[in-house]
Amino acid sequence: MNDLLLVEDNPADSRFVEETVNNSSLDVTVHSVSTSAAGLDFIHQQGEYPDAPEPDLVFLDWNLRRTTGRDVLTVLKDDYSHIPVVILTGSKTKVGTDHLPSSKADLVREKPTDPDGYIKIIRSVAPSH
């Protein structure tokens, strides 16, 4: 795995994931976008992302401003089902609710608060790391 697409609207969370991966031994490049529309553009290599690589893994914040990650998840699972998707949420209570389509995601997790949590998620979905 080389390319991780992070769809996250909180700049602090994006920076935390990027720094965590950059400071790890993982050979992964993090590509961050802050909206579901930008995530779809990245996946489809259109708009600002005509040369975007196909991601090997997607971290998808479910609770994006003014929307959810549902559009991105639907496109990924309909057209790119080979790409693992990890839905991240800031609320423990939402992880277990029916508001998250956990059956379509490869993993649904509360956002880790420590770097090791993200590394463990990456390794669990992409065992070669």
N, C-alpha and C. Protein backbone atom coordinates (compact mmCIF):
# COMPACT_ATOMS: atom_id res chain seq x y z
N MET A 1 0.84 -1.19 0.00
CA MET A 1 0.00 0.00 0.00
C MET A 1 0.88 1.24 0.00
N ASN A 2 0.53 2.16 -0.86
CA ASN A 2 1.31 3.40 -0.93
C ASN A 2 0.48 4.66 -0.76
N ASP A 3 -0.78 4.63 -1.17
CA ASP A 3 -1.57 5.86 -1.17
C ASP A 3 -2.82 5.74 -0.31
N LEU A 4 -2.92 6.65 0.64
CA LEU A 4 -4.07 6.72 1.54
C LEU A 4 -4.81 8.00 1.25
N LEU A 5 -6.10 7.90 0.94
CA LEU A 5 -6.93 9.08 0.77
C LEU A 5 -7.64 9.34 2.08
N LEU A 6 -7.44 10.51 2.63
CA LEU A 6 -8.07 10.93 3.87
C LEU A 6 -9.13 11.98 3.54
N VAL A 7 -10.39 11.66 3.79
CA VAL A 7 -11.49 12.61 3.58
C VAL A 7 -11.89 13.08 4.97
N GLU A 8 -11.42 14.26 5.34
CA GLU A 8 -11.54 14.77 6.72
C GLU A 8 -11.66 16.28 6.68
N ASP A 9 -12.70 16.82 7.30
CA ASP A 9 -12.91 18.27 7.26
C ASP A 9 -12.29 19.01 8.44
N ASN A 10 -11.75 18.31 9.41
CA ASN A 10 -11.11 18.96 10.55
C ASN A 10 -9.61 19.06 10.28
N PRO A 11 -9.07 20.27 10.08
CA PRO A 11 -7.65 20.40 9.76
C PRO A 11 -6.72 19.79 10.83
N ALA A 12 -7.11 19.88 12.09
CA ALA A 12 -6.27 19.30 13.15
C ALA A 12 -6.22 17.78 13.03
N ASP A 13 -7.36 17.16 12.73
CA ASP A 13 -7.37 15.71 12.56
C ASP A 13 -6.57 15.29 11.33
N SER A 14 -6.70 16.06 10.25
CA SER A 14 -5.92 15.75 9.03
C SER A 14 -4.43 15.83 9.31
N ARG A 15 -4.02 16.89 9.98
CA ARG A 15 -2.61 17.07 10.30
C ARG A 15 -2.10 15.94 11.20
N PHE A 16 -2.92 15.51 12.16
CA PHE A 16 -2.54 14.44 13.07
C PHE A 16 -2.31 13.13 12.29
N VAL A 17 -3.21 12.81 11.38
CA VAL A 17 -3.05 11.58 10.58
C VAL A 17 -1.81 11.69 9.70
N GLU A 18 -1.64 12.83 9.03
CA GLU A 18 -0.48 13.01 8.15
C GLU A 18 0.82 12.89 8.93
N GLU A 19 0.93 13.54 10.08
CA GLU A 19 2.15 13.47 10.88
C GLU A 19 2.38 12.07 11.42
N THR A 20 1.31 11.40 11.82
CA THR A 20 1.43 10.04 12.32
C THR A 20 2.01 9.12 11.25
N VAL A 21 1.47 9.19 10.06
CA VAL A 21 1.95 8.33 8.98
C VAL A 21 3.37 8.72 8.57
N ASN A 22 3.63 10.02 8.45
CA ASN A 22 4.97 10.47 8.05
C ASN A 22 6.05 10.10 9.06
N ASN A 23 5.69 10.02 10.35
CA ASN A 23 6.65 9.67 11.38
C ASN A 23 6.72 8.18 11.65
N SER A 24 6.00 7.40 10.88
CA SER A 24 6.01 5.95 11.07
C SER A 24 6.97 5.31 10.08
N SER A 25 7.07 4.01 10.17
CA SER A 25 7.91 3.27 9.22
C SER A 25 7.11 2.84 7.99
N LEU A 26 5.87 3.26 7.91
CA LEU A 26 5.02 2.89 6.78
C LEU A 26 5.42 3.64 5.51
N ASP A 27 5.38 2.95 4.40
CA ASP A 27 5.66 3.56 3.10
C ASP A 27 4.32 3.98 2.50
N VAL A 28 3.76 5.05 3.06
CA VAL A 28 2.42 5.50 2.69
C VAL A 28 2.45 7.02 2.47
N THR A 29 1.80 7.45 1.41
CA THR A 29 1.60 8.88 1.15
C THR A 29 0.15 9.20 1.46
N VAL A 30 -0.07 10.22 2.30
CA VAL A 30 -1.42 10.64 2.66
C VAL A 30 -1.85 11.77 1.73
N HIS A 31 -3.01 11.60 1.12
CA HIS A 31 -3.62 12.62 0.27
C HIS A 31 -4.87 13.08 1.00
N SER A 32 -4.91 14.33 1.42
CA SER A 32 -6.02 14.84 2.22
C SER A 32 -6.94 15.73 1.41
N VAL A 33 -8.23 15.51 1.58
CA VAL A 33 -9.25 16.41 1.03
C VAL A 33 -10.23 16.68 2.16
N SER A 34 -10.96 17.80 2.06
CA SER A 34 -11.79 18.20 3.20
C SER A 34 -13.30 18.11 2.95
N THR A 35 -13.70 17.70 1.76
CA THR A 35 -15.13 17.58 1.48
C THR A 35 -15.41 16.28 0.73
N SER A 36 -16.67 15.86 0.78
CA SER A 36 -17.02 14.65 0.03
C SER A 36 -16.90 14.91 -1.48
N ALA A 37 -17.22 16.12 -1.92
CA ALA A 37 -17.09 16.46 -3.35
C ALA A 37 -15.63 16.34 -3.80
N ALA A 38 -14.70 16.84 -2.98
CA ALA A 38 -13.27 16.73 -3.32
C ALA A 38 -12.83 15.28 -3.29
N GLY A 39 -13.37 14.50 -2.35
CA GLY A 39 -13.06 13.07 -2.30
C GLY A 39 -13.49 12.36 -3.57
N LEU A 40 -14.68 12.70 -4.05
CA LEU A 40 -15.16 12.10 -5.30
C LEU A 40 -14.32 12.56 -6.49
N ASP A 41 -13.96 13.84 -6.52
CA ASP A 41 -13.07 14.33 -7.59
C ASP A 41 -11.75 13.59 -7.58
N PHE A 42 -11.19 13.37 -6.40
CA PHE A 42 -9.90 12.66 -6.28
C PHE A 42 -10.05 11.24 -6.83
N ILE A 43 -11.09 10.55 -6.40
CA ILE A 43 -11.31 9.16 -6.83
C ILE A 43 -11.49 9.07 -8.33
N HIS A 44 -12.25 10.03 -8.90
CA HIS A 44 -12.53 10.03 -10.34
C HIS A 44 -11.46 10.74 -11.17
N GLN A 45 -10.42 11.26 -10.52
CA GLN A 45 -9.33 11.97 -11.19
C GLN A 45 -9.86 13.11 -12.06
N GLN A 46 -10.68 13.95 -11.44
CA GLN A 46 -11.23 15.09 -12.16
C GLN A 46 -11.09 16.35 -11.32
N GLY A 47 -11.49 17.50 -11.88
CA GLY A 47 -11.37 18.76 -11.16
C GLY A 47 -9.92 19.07 -10.86
N GLU A 48 -9.62 19.30 -9.58
CA GLU A 48 -8.26 19.63 -9.16
C GLU A 48 -7.33 18.42 -9.11
N TYR A 49 -7.84 17.23 -9.39
CA TYR A 49 -7.06 16.00 -9.17
C TYR A 49 -6.94 15.12 -10.42
N PRO A 50 -6.60 15.69 -11.59
CA PRO A 50 -6.53 14.85 -12.79
C PRO A 50 -5.42 13.80 -12.75
N ASP A 51 -4.40 14.04 -11.95
CA ASP A 51 -3.28 13.10 -11.86
C ASP A 51 -3.24 12.35 -10.54
N ALA A 52 -4.35 12.32 -9.84
CA ALA A 52 -4.39 11.66 -8.53
C ALA A 52 -4.21 10.15 -8.70
N PRO A 53 -3.43 9.55 -7.81
CA PRO A 53 -3.30 8.09 -7.86
C PRO A 53 -4.56 7.43 -7.30
N GLU A 54 -4.84 6.23 -7.75
CA GLU A 54 -5.95 5.51 -7.13
C GLU A 54 -5.52 5.13 -5.72
N PRO A 55 -6.32 5.49 -4.72
CA PRO A 55 -5.90 5.19 -3.35
C PRO A 55 -5.94 3.68 -3.07
N ASP A 56 -5.04 3.25 -2.20
CA ASP A 56 -5.02 1.85 -1.76
C ASP A 56 -5.88 1.66 -0.52
N LEU A 57 -6.21 2.78 0.13
CA LEU A 57 -7.01 2.76 1.34
C LEU A 57 -7.66 4.13 1.49
N VAL A 58 -8.90 4.17 2.00
CA VAL A 58 -9.57 5.44 2.25
C VAL A 58 -9.97 5.51 3.71
N PHE A 59 -9.56 6.60 4.37
CA PHE A 59 -10.06 6.95 5.70
C PHE A 59 -11.14 7.99 5.47
N LEU A 60 -12.36 7.69 5.86
CA LEU A 60 -13.49 8.55 5.57
C LEU A 60 -14.14 9.01 6.87
N ASP A 61 -14.04 10.32 7.13
CA ASP A 61 -14.74 10.90 8.28
C ASP A 61 -16.22 10.88 7.93
N TRP A 62 -17.01 10.23 8.75
CA TRP A 62 -18.43 10.10 8.44
C TRP A 62 -19.18 11.41 8.62
N ASN A 63 -18.79 12.21 9.59
CA ASN A 63 -19.53 13.43 9.92
C ASN A 63 -18.84 14.65 9.33
N LEU A 64 -18.90 14.78 8.03
CA LEU A 64 -18.35 15.95 7.36
C LEU A 64 -19.33 17.10 7.50
N ARG A 65 -18.83 18.32 7.44
CA ARG A 65 -19.71 19.49 7.55
C ARG A 65 -20.79 19.45 6.46
N ARG A 66 -22.02 19.69 6.86
CA ARG A 66 -23.17 19.78 5.96
C ARG A 66 -23.49 18.48 5.23
N THR A 67 -22.81 17.39 5.53
CA THR A 67 -23.08 16.13 4.83
C THR A 67 -22.49 14.98 5.63
N THR A 68 -22.63 13.80 5.09
CA THR A 68 -21.95 12.63 5.65
C THR A 68 -21.04 12.09 4.56
N GLY A 69 -20.33 11.05 4.88
CA GLY A 69 -19.46 10.41 3.89
C GLY A 69 -20.20 9.43 3.00
N ARG A 70 -21.53 9.41 3.10
CA ARG A 70 -22.33 8.42 2.35
C ARG A 70 -22.05 8.45 0.85
N ASP A 71 -21.96 9.63 0.23
CA ASP A 71 -21.73 9.71 -1.21
C ASP A 71 -20.40 9.06 -1.59
N VAL A 72 -19.37 9.36 -0.83
CA VAL A 72 -18.05 8.79 -1.12
C VAL A 72 -18.08 7.27 -0.93
N LEU A 73 -18.68 6.82 0.15
CA LEU A 73 -18.75 5.38 0.42
C LEU A 73 -19.53 4.67 -0.68
N THR A 74 -20.64 5.23 -1.10
CA THR A 74 -21.45 4.60 -2.15
C THR A 74 -20.66 4.44 -3.43
N VAL A 75 -19.98 5.49 -3.87
CA VAL A 75 -19.19 5.43 -5.10
C VAL A 75 -18.07 4.40 -4.95
N LEU A 76 -17.38 4.44 -3.81
CA LEU A 76 -16.27 3.50 -3.62
C LEU A 76 -16.76 2.06 -3.66
N LYS A 77 -17.82 1.76 -2.96
CA LYS A 77 -18.28 0.38 -2.89
C LYS A 77 -18.99 -0.07 -4.16
N ASP A 78 -19.57 0.87 -4.94
CA ASP A 78 -20.20 0.50 -6.20
C ASP A 78 -19.19 0.35 -7.33
N ASP A 79 -18.22 1.27 -7.40
CA ASP A 79 -17.31 1.31 -8.54
C ASP A 79 -15.87 0.93 -8.24
N TYR A 80 -15.48 0.95 -6.97
CA TYR A 80 -14.10 0.67 -6.58
C TYR A 80 -14.09 -0.26 -5.36
N SER A 81 -14.81 -1.33 -5.44
CA SER A 81 -15.01 -2.20 -4.27
C SER A 81 -13.71 -2.84 -3.78
N HIS A 82 -12.67 -2.81 -4.59
CA HIS A 82 -11.38 -3.38 -4.18
C HIS A 82 -10.60 -2.45 -3.23
N ILE A 83 -11.04 -1.20 -3.09
CA ILE A 83 -10.36 -0.26 -2.21
C ILE A 83 -10.99 -0.34 -0.82
N PRO A 84 -10.22 -0.70 0.20
CA PRO A 84 -10.77 -0.75 1.55
C PRO A 84 -11.13 0.65 2.05
N VAL A 85 -12.27 0.72 2.77
CA VAL A 85 -12.75 1.98 3.32
C VAL A 85 -12.90 1.83 4.82
N VAL A 86 -12.27 2.76 5.54
CA VAL A 86 -12.40 2.81 7.00
C VAL A 86 -13.19 4.07 7.33
N ILE A 87 -14.37 3.89 7.90
CA ILE A 87 -15.16 5.03 8.34
C ILE A 87 -14.69 5.40 9.74
N LEU A 88 -14.39 6.69 9.91
CA LEU A 88 -13.96 7.20 11.21
C LEU A 88 -15.01 8.16 11.74
N THR A 89 -15.27 8.07 13.01
CA THR A 89 -16.22 8.98 13.64
C THR A 89 -15.65 9.46 14.97
N GLY A 90 -16.01 10.65 15.36
CA GLY A 90 -15.51 11.21 16.61
C GLY A 90 -16.31 10.77 17.81
N SER A 91 -17.38 10.03 17.60
CA SER A 91 -18.26 9.67 18.70
C SER A 91 -18.37 8.16 18.85
N LYS A 92 -18.04 7.67 20.04
CA LYS A 92 -18.18 6.24 20.32
C LYS A 92 -19.62 5.78 20.12
N THR A 93 -20.56 6.61 20.52
CA THR A 93 -21.95 6.19 20.43
C THR A 93 -22.41 6.02 18.99
N LYS A 94 -21.86 6.80 18.07
CA LYS A 94 -22.28 6.70 16.67
C LYS A 94 -21.70 5.48 15.98
N VAL A 95 -20.59 4.93 16.50
CA VAL A 95 -19.99 3.76 15.87
C VAL A 95 -20.97 2.59 15.87
N GLY A 96 -21.76 2.45 16.91
CA GLY A 96 -22.66 1.33 17.00
C GLY A 96 -24.07 1.58 16.51
N THR A 97 -24.35 2.75 15.97
CA THR A 97 -25.72 3.06 15.56
C THR A 97 -25.95 2.71 14.10
N ASP A 98 -27.22 2.70 13.74
CA ASP A 98 -27.54 2.40 12.35
C ASP A 98 -27.35 3.60 11.44
N HIS A 99 -26.85 4.72 11.96
CA HIS A 99 -26.56 5.87 11.12
C HIS A 99 -25.33 5.62 10.25
N LEU A 100 -24.53 4.66 10.63
CA LEU A 100 -23.34 4.31 9.85
C LEU A 100 -23.59 3.01 9.11
N PRO A 101 -23.34 2.99 7.80
CA PRO A 101 -23.56 1.77 7.04
C PRO A 101 -22.38 0.81 7.18
N SER A 102 -22.24 0.26 8.37
CA SER A 102 -21.07 -0.56 8.65
C SER A 102 -20.97 -1.77 7.75
N SER A 103 -22.08 -2.22 7.19
CA SER A 103 -22.02 -3.39 6.32
C SER A 103 -21.30 -3.07 5.01
N LYS A 104 -21.28 -1.80 4.62
CA LYS A 104 -20.59 -1.43 3.39
C LYS A 104 -19.13 -1.06 3.63
N ALA A 105 -18.79 -0.65 4.82
CA ALA A 105 -17.41 -0.25 5.12
C ALA A 105 -16.59 -1.47 5.52
N ASP A 106 -15.30 -1.40 5.29
CA ASP A 106 -14.43 -2.49 5.72
C ASP A 106 -14.20 -2.44 7.22
N LEU A 107 -14.16 -1.22 7.77
CA LEU A 107 -14.05 -1.01 9.21
C LEU A 107 -14.80 0.26 9.57
N VAL A 108 -15.36 0.28 10.77
CA VAL A 108 -15.94 1.50 11.33
C VAL A 108 -15.29 1.66 12.69
N ARG A 109 -14.61 2.78 12.91
CA ARG A 109 -13.88 2.98 14.15
C ARG A 109 -14.06 4.40 14.66
N GLU A 110 -13.99 4.53 15.97
CA GLU A 110 -13.88 5.84 16.57
C GLU A 110 -12.49 6.36 16.23
N LYS A 111 -12.39 7.66 15.98
CA LYS A 111 -11.08 8.23 15.65
C LYS A 111 -10.11 7.98 16.79
N PRO A 112 -8.96 7.38 16.50
CA PRO A 112 -7.97 7.18 17.55
C PRO A 112 -7.45 8.50 18.09
N THR A 113 -7.07 8.50 19.35
CA THR A 113 -6.52 9.71 19.96
C THR A 113 -5.00 9.62 20.09
N ASP A 114 -4.44 8.49 19.69
CA ASP A 114 -2.99 8.34 19.73
C ASP A 114 -2.51 7.82 18.38
N PRO A 115 -1.26 8.12 18.01
CA PRO A 115 -0.75 7.71 16.71
C PRO A 115 -0.82 6.20 16.47
N ASP A 116 -0.55 5.41 17.50
CA ASP A 116 -0.56 3.96 17.32
C ASP A 116 -1.91 3.45 16.84
N GLY A 117 -2.98 4.12 17.24
CA GLY A 117 -4.31 3.70 16.82
C GLY A 117 -4.47 3.75 15.31
N TYR A 118 -3.97 4.81 14.67
CA TYR A 118 -4.06 4.91 13.21
C TYR A 118 -3.17 3.88 12.54
N ILE A 119 -1.98 3.68 13.08
CA ILE A 119 -1.06 2.70 12.50
C ILE A 119 -1.67 1.30 12.58
N LYS A 120 -2.30 0.98 13.70
CA LYS A 120 -2.95 -0.33 13.85
C LYS A 120 -4.07 -0.51 12.83
N ILE A 121 -4.83 0.54 12.60
CA ILE A 121 -5.90 0.46 11.60
C ILE A 121 -5.32 0.18 10.22
N ILE A 122 -4.30 0.94 9.84
CA ILE A 122 -3.67 0.74 8.53
C ILE A 122 -3.16 -0.67 8.39
N ARG A 123 -2.47 -1.15 9.41
CA ARG A 123 -1.91 -2.51 9.35
C ARG A 123 -3.00 -3.57 9.33
N SER A 124 -4.11 -3.32 9.98
CA SER A 124 -5.18 -4.34 9.99
C SER A 124 -5.87 -4.44 8.63
N VAL A 125 -5.92 -3.34 7.90
CA VAL A 125 -6.57 -3.34 6.60
C VAL A 125 -5.59 -3.69 5.50
N ALA A 126 -4.35 -3.30 5.67
CA ALA A 126 -3.29 -3.57 4.69
C ALA A 126 -2.17 -4.34 5.38
N PRO A 127 -2.34 -5.66 5.57
CA PRO A 127 -1.40 -6.45 6.38
C PRO A 127 0.04 -6.43 5.91
N SER A 128 0.29 -6.00 4.68
CA SER A 128 1.68 -5.98 4.21
C SER A 128 2.50 -4.89 4.90
N HIS A 129 1.83 -4.03 5.71
CA HIS A 129 2.55 -2.97 6.42
C HIS A 129 2.63 -3.33 7.84
